Amino acid sequence: MINIVLKVVDSIKPDRLGPLILKSAYVVEASAGAFRGRVKEGDRVHIVPNE
């Protein structure tokens, strides 16, 4: 499945909610800085589920 990145949030403190992003279907969580410089808003990403 191909998806468009709507918002990138660099870091969120533990036990906090991120911003509400209308029309979003998924949230990808990673360690802080894991995607820095690699993924930006508007990029197309391919999400592969764990099998």
C-alpha atoms as a PDB file:
ATOM      1  CA  MET A   1       0.000   0.000   0.000  1.00  0.00           C
ATOM      2  CA  ILE A   2       1.389   3.430  -0.966  1.00  0.00           C
ATOM      3  CA  ASN A   3       0.714   6.340   1.368  1.00  0.00           C
ATOM      4  CA  ILE A   4       1.538  10.042   1.483  1.00  0.00           C
ATOM      5  CA  VAL A   5       3.192  11.503   4.601  1.00  0.00           C
ATOM      6  CA  LEU A   6       0.863  14.199   5.966  1.00  0.00           C
ATOM      7  CA  LYS A   7       2.837  15.320   9.044  1.00  0.00           C
ATOM      8  CA  VAL A   8       6.204  14.604  10.646  1.00  0.00           C
ATOM      9  CA  VAL A   9       6.525  15.216  14.389  1.00  0.00           C
ATOM     10  CA  ASP A  10      10.135  15.011  15.571  1.00  0.00           C
ATOM     11  CA  SER A  11       9.475  14.042  19.171  1.00  0.00           C
ATOM     12  CA  ILE A  12       6.621  13.761  21.618  1.00  0.00           C
ATOM     13  CA  LYS A  13       7.124  13.400  25.346  1.00  0.00           C
ATOM     14  CA  PRO A  14       6.017  10.098  26.895  1.00  0.00           C
ATOM     15  CA  ASP A  15       2.328   9.778  27.811  1.00  0.00           C
ATOM     16  CA  ARG A  16       1.349  12.668  25.498  1.00  0.00           C
ATOM     17  CA  LEU A  17      -0.861  12.710  22.434  1.00  0.00           C
ATOM     18  CA  GLY A  18       0.416  14.010  19.129  1.00  0.00           C
ATOM     19  CA  PRO A  19      -1.502  16.487  16.982  1.00  0.00           C
ATOM     20  CA  LEU A  20      -4.783  15.446  15.362  1.00  0.00           C
ATOM     21  CA  ILE A  21      -4.183  14.981  11.634  1.00  0.00           C
ATOM     22  CA  LEU A  22      -7.424  14.898   9.677  1.00  0.00           C
ATOM     23  CA  LYS A  23      -7.749  12.280   6.925  1.00  0.00           C
ATOM     24  CA  SER A  24      -4.851  10.241   8.324  1.00  0.00           C
ATOM     25  CA  ALA A  25      -5.108   6.456   8.209  1.00  0.00           C
ATOM     26  CA  TYR A  26      -1.935   5.378  10.046  1.00  0.00           C
ATOM     27  CA  VAL A  27       0.642   6.504  12.575  1.00  0.00           C
ATOM     28  CA  VAL A  28       4.228   5.304  12.329  1.00  0.00           C
ATOM     29  CA  GLU A  29       6.182   5.434  15.572  1.00  0.00           C
ATOM     30  CA  ALA A  30       9.958   5.209  15.768  1.00  0.00           C
ATOM     31  CA  SER A  31      12.760   6.277  18.063  1.00  0.00           C
ATOM     32  CA  ALA A  32      13.357  10.033  18.111  1.00  0.00           C
ATOM     33  CA  GLY A  33      15.444  11.028  15.090  1.00  0.00           C
ATOM     34  CA  ALA A  34      15.078   7.682  13.304  1.00  0.00           C
ATOM     35  CA  PHE A  35      13.620   9.299  10.170  1.00  0.00           C
ATOM     36  CA  ARG A  36      15.239  12.741  10.482  1.00  0.00           C
ATOM     37  CA  GLY A  37      16.423  13.899   7.079  1.00  0.00           C
ATOM     38  CA  ARG A  38      14.908  10.841   5.395  1.00  0.00           C
ATOM     39  CA  VAL A  39      11.132  11.349   5.523  1.00  0.00           C
ATOM     40  CA  LYS A  40       9.322  14.650   4.992  1.00  0.00           C
ATOM     41  CA  GLU A  41       5.758  15.776   4.444  1.00  0.00           C
ATOM     42  CA  GLY A  42       4.540  14.901   0.957  1.00  0.00           C
ATOM     43  CA  ASP A  43       6.808  11.856   0.593  1.00  0.00           C
ATOM     44  CA  ARG A  44       5.281   8.617  -0.619  1.00  0.00           C
ATOM     45  CA  VAL A  45       5.976   5.653   1.649  1.00  0.00           C
ATOM     46  CA  HIS A  46       5.344   1.955   1.281  1.00  0.00           C
ATOM     47  CA  ILE A  47       4.124   0.331   4.513  1.00  0.00           C
ATOM     48  CA  VAL A  48       4.827  -3.385   4.819  1.00  0.00           C
ATOM     49  CA  PRO A  49       2.996  -5.180   7.637  1.00  0.00           C
ATOM     50  CA  ASN A  50       4.839  -7.621   9.885  1.00  0.00           C
ATOM     51  CA  GLU A  51       4.237 -11.178   8.815  1.00  0.00           C
END
